[in-house]
Amino acid sequence: MMWYGVFLWALVSSLFFHVPAGLLALFTLRHHKYGRFMSVSILLMGIVGPITAGILTSAAIAGVYRAAGKEMIPFEALTLGTGQTFCVVVVSFLRILATL
C-alpha cells in the first residue's frame, strides 16, 4: 500500500492549489456568461488529474521502492506526493507563459 500514501498526498496537495484557484475564478468571473464555467473546469482538473495520472505515477514510485527492497516512511510519501503536485503546477505555469 505504498502507492496509496503517495497518491493521497498528491490528491490533497493538488486540492490545496486548485480549490483556491477555482474559487478565485468563480469570484472574478461570476458575471461572465461562459467564464464562470472555467472555475468548474479548474476544480475538476484538481480532482481528475491526481486520480488518473496520480495513481499511475504513485504506483510507479511504489514499484521502484518495492523492487529496491526499500520501505517507505510517511515523510517520503508526503515529499513524493507534494513533489508530483509541484511539478504539475510548474509545468502549468510555464505552459501559460509560453502562450503569451
Protein backbone atom coordinates (compact mmCIF):
# COMPACT_ATOMS: atom_id res chain seq x y z
CA MET A 1 0.00 0.00 0.00
CA MET A 2 2.95 2.34 -0.54
CA TRP A 3 1.30 3.87 -3.58
CA TYR A 4 -1.76 4.82 -1.54
CA GLY A 5 0.16 7.18 0.75
CA VAL A 6 1.83 8.94 -2.17
CA PHE A 7 -1.49 9.14 -4.02
CA LEU A 8 -3.32 10.67 -1.04
CA TRP A 9 -0.66 13.33 -0.56
CA ALA A 10 -0.74 14.14 -4.28
CA LEU A 11 -4.53 14.45 -4.17
CA VAL A 12 -4.60 16.60 -1.02
CA SER A 13 -1.83 18.91 -2.22
CA SER A 14 -3.49 19.23 -5.63
CA LEU A 15 -6.75 20.23 -3.98
CA PHE A 16 -4.77 22.70 -1.85
CA PHE A 17 -3.78 24.52 -5.06
CA HIS A 18 -6.88 24.03 -7.20
CA VAL A 19 -9.67 24.86 -4.74
CA PRO A 20 -8.45 28.44 -4.09
CA ALA A 21 -7.79 28.92 -7.83
CA GLY A 22 -11.29 27.68 -8.67
CA LEU A 23 -12.88 29.90 -6.04
CA LEU A 24 -10.91 32.90 -7.29
CA ALA A 25 -12.01 32.16 -10.86
CA LEU A 26 -15.61 31.79 -9.71
CA PHE A 27 -15.47 35.09 -7.83
CA THR A 28 -13.85 37.10 -10.62
CA LEU A 29 -15.87 35.57 -13.49
CA ARG A 30 -19.24 35.23 -11.78
CA HIS A 31 -20.95 37.77 -14.08
CA HIS A 32 -19.44 36.43 -17.30
CA LYS A 33 -21.79 34.35 -19.43
CA TYR A 34 -19.39 31.45 -20.08
CA GLY A 35 -16.39 32.36 -17.93
CA ARG A 36 -17.98 31.11 -14.73
CA PHE A 37 -17.70 27.56 -16.03
CA MET A 38 -13.91 27.88 -16.07
CA SER A 39 -13.94 27.57 -12.29
CA VAL A 40 -15.69 24.23 -12.61
CA SER A 41 -13.04 23.01 -15.03
CA ILE A 42 -10.27 24.16 -12.66
CA LEU A 43 -11.88 22.24 -9.81
CA LEU A 44 -12.36 19.15 -11.97
CA MET A 45 -8.71 19.22 -13.04
CA GLY A 46 -7.74 19.41 -9.38
CA ILE A 47 -9.60 16.15 -8.76
CA VAL A 48 -9.44 14.22 -12.04
CA GLY A 49 -5.73 14.88 -12.69
CA PRO A 50 -4.44 13.32 -9.48
CA ILE A 51 -6.92 10.47 -9.71
CA THR A 52 -5.82 9.44 -13.21
CA ALA A 53 -2.15 10.42 -13.50
CA GLY A 54 -1.53 10.42 -9.75
CA ILE A 55 -2.45 6.78 -9.38
CA LEU A 56 -0.13 5.77 -12.21
CA THR A 57 2.85 7.77 -11.01
CA SER A 58 2.30 6.73 -7.40
CA ALA A 59 2.20 3.09 -8.44
CA ALA A 60 5.40 3.56 -10.46
CA ILE A 61 7.17 5.13 -7.48
CA ALA A 62 5.97 2.36 -5.18
CA GLY A 63 7.13 -0.22 -7.73
CA VAL A 64 10.63 1.23 -7.70
CA TYR A 65 10.69 1.17 -3.91
CA ARG A 66 9.47 -2.42 -3.83
CA ALA A 67 11.99 -3.53 -6.47
CA ALA A 68 14.76 -1.92 -4.44
CA GLY A 69 13.50 -3.70 -1.32
CA LYS A 70 13.12 -0.40 0.48
CA GLU A 71 10.39 0.57 2.94
CA MET A 72 8.72 3.96 2.53
CA ILE A 73 8.31 6.13 5.61
CA PRO A 74 5.35 8.55 5.76
CA PHE A 75 7.56 11.63 5.27
CA GLU A 76 8.82 10.19 1.98
CA ALA A 77 5.22 9.69 0.85
CA LEU A 78 4.48 13.31 1.74
CA THR A 79 7.54 14.54 -0.14
CA LEU A 80 6.84 12.47 -3.24
CA GLY A 81 3.12 13.30 -3.31
CA THR A 82 3.60 17.03 -2.92
CA GLY A 83 6.51 16.84 -5.37
CA GLN A 84 4.15 15.48 -8.01
CA THR A 85 1.80 18.40 -7.46
CA PHE A 86 4.68 20.87 -7.51
CA CYS A 87 5.82 19.52 -10.89
CA VAL A 88 2.28 19.82 -12.30
CA VAL A 89 1.98 23.41 -11.04
CA VAL A 90 5.37 24.40 -12.51
CA VAL A 91 4.56 22.85 -15.89
CA SER A 92 1.14 24.55 -15.89
CA PHE A 93 2.64 27.97 -15.24
CA LEU A 94 5.36 27.50 -17.85
CA ARG A 95 2.82 26.41 -20.45
CA ILE A 96 0.67 29.50 -19.79
CA LEU A 97 3.66 31.85 -20.04
CA ALA A 98 4.70 30.28 -23.34
CA THR A 99 1.37 31.29 -24.91
CA LEU A 100 1.68 34.98 -24.02
